[in-house]
Protein backbone atom coordinates (compact mmCIF):
# COMPACT_ATOMS: atom_id res chain seq x y z
CA MET A 1 13.38 -0.04 15.11
CA GLU A 2 16.56 -1.18 13.38
CA TRP A 3 17.99 -4.62 14.15
CA THR A 4 21.63 -5.65 14.17
CA VAL A 5 22.68 -8.48 11.89
CA THR A 6 25.72 -10.48 13.01
CA PHE A 7 27.31 -13.78 12.07
CA TYR A 8 27.53 -16.65 14.53
CA SER A 9 31.19 -17.00 13.71
CA GLU A 10 33.81 -15.77 11.27
CA ASN A 11 33.61 -19.12 9.49
CA VAL A 12 29.91 -18.47 8.76
CA ARG A 13 30.71 -15.03 7.39
CA ASP A 14 33.54 -16.41 5.26
CA GLU A 15 31.29 -19.19 3.86
CA ILE A 16 28.68 -16.68 2.81
CA PHE A 17 31.23 -14.56 1.00
CA LYS A 18 32.53 -17.63 -0.88
CA LEU A 19 29.11 -18.12 -2.51
CA PRO A 20 28.53 -17.19 -6.15
CA PRO A 21 28.17 -13.40 -6.60
CA LYS A 22 24.45 -13.54 -7.50
CA VAL A 23 23.69 -15.58 -4.39
CA GLN A 24 25.74 -13.19 -2.26
CA ALA A 25 23.83 -10.23 -3.67
CA LYS A 26 20.46 -11.79 -2.96
CA LEU A 27 21.48 -12.85 0.53
CA ILE A 28 22.86 -9.40 1.36
CA ARG A 29 19.59 -7.80 0.19
CA GLU A 30 17.63 -10.18 2.40
CA MET A 31 19.91 -9.48 5.39
CA GLU A 32 19.28 -5.75 4.89
CA MET A 33 15.54 -6.46 5.05
CA VAL A 34 16.04 -8.50 8.25
CA LYS A 35 17.91 -5.52 9.66
CA ASP A 36 15.10 -3.13 8.72
CA TYR A 37 12.05 -5.23 9.64
CA GLY A 38 13.27 -7.71 12.26
CA PRO A 39 10.88 -10.53 13.16
CA THR A 40 7.96 -8.92 11.29
CA LEU A 41 9.58 -9.89 7.99
CA GLY A 42 7.91 -12.98 6.58
CA LEU A 43 7.22 -14.72 3.28
CA PRO A 44 8.35 -14.47 0.55
CA HIS A 45 11.61 -13.23 2.12
CA VAL A 46 11.87 -15.27 5.30
CA ARG A 47 10.25 -18.57 6.28
CA MET A 48 9.73 -19.39 9.92
CA MET A 49 11.05 -22.91 10.60
CA GLY A 50 9.96 -23.13 14.24
CA ASP A 51 11.68 -22.92 17.62
CA GLY A 52 13.03 -19.46 16.71
CA LEU A 53 14.85 -20.62 13.57
CA ASN A 54 14.26 -18.81 10.30
CA GLU A 55 15.33 -19.51 6.71
CA ILE A 56 16.41 -17.41 3.76
CA ARG A 57 16.76 -19.34 0.53
CA ALA A 58 18.96 -17.75 -2.13
CA LYS A 59 18.96 -19.32 -5.60
CA ALA A 60 21.33 -18.99 -8.52
CA ARG A 61 21.40 -21.18 -11.61
CA MET A 62 18.73 -23.49 -10.21
CA VAL A 63 20.83 -24.29 -7.11
CA ALA A 64 19.35 -23.24 -3.79
CA HIS A 65 21.48 -22.12 -0.87
CA ASP A 66 19.72 -22.25 2.51
CA HIS A 67 20.78 -19.84 5.23
CA PHE A 68 19.36 -19.96 8.69
CA PHE A 69 19.17 -17.33 11.38
CA ALA A 70 17.52 -16.57 14.69
CA TYR A 71 16.43 -13.40 16.48
CA ARG A 72 17.50 -12.24 19.93
CA LYS A 73 14.65 -9.92 20.77
CA ALA A 74 16.12 -8.65 24.02
CA ARG A 75 19.03 -7.19 22.08
CA ASN A 76 17.23 -6.31 18.85
CA SER A 77 19.67 -8.46 16.94
CA SER A 78 19.71 -11.46 14.66
CA PHE A 79 22.54 -13.83 13.95
CA PHE A 80 23.23 -16.00 10.93
CA ILE A 81 24.30 -19.61 11.19
CA ARG A 82 25.10 -22.18 8.52
CA LEU A 83 23.84 -25.73 8.89
């Protein structure tokens, strides 16, 4: 079953696309995997943080960028937030 990936807000989407190109590329690959595998996707791609919150960590030049998202199982969707 394919999942829908959405952004919590346009600001979140805009922040992601302001990241360095290598970080964007890694994050987009990981979001595609979230779309394909949904909540069955785990380490090393996604770490479960608890209470329904999940983390993708994208690194470039030794700087890590953490991106968090949650699943809405009833709608087969996930949404990305930035903390």
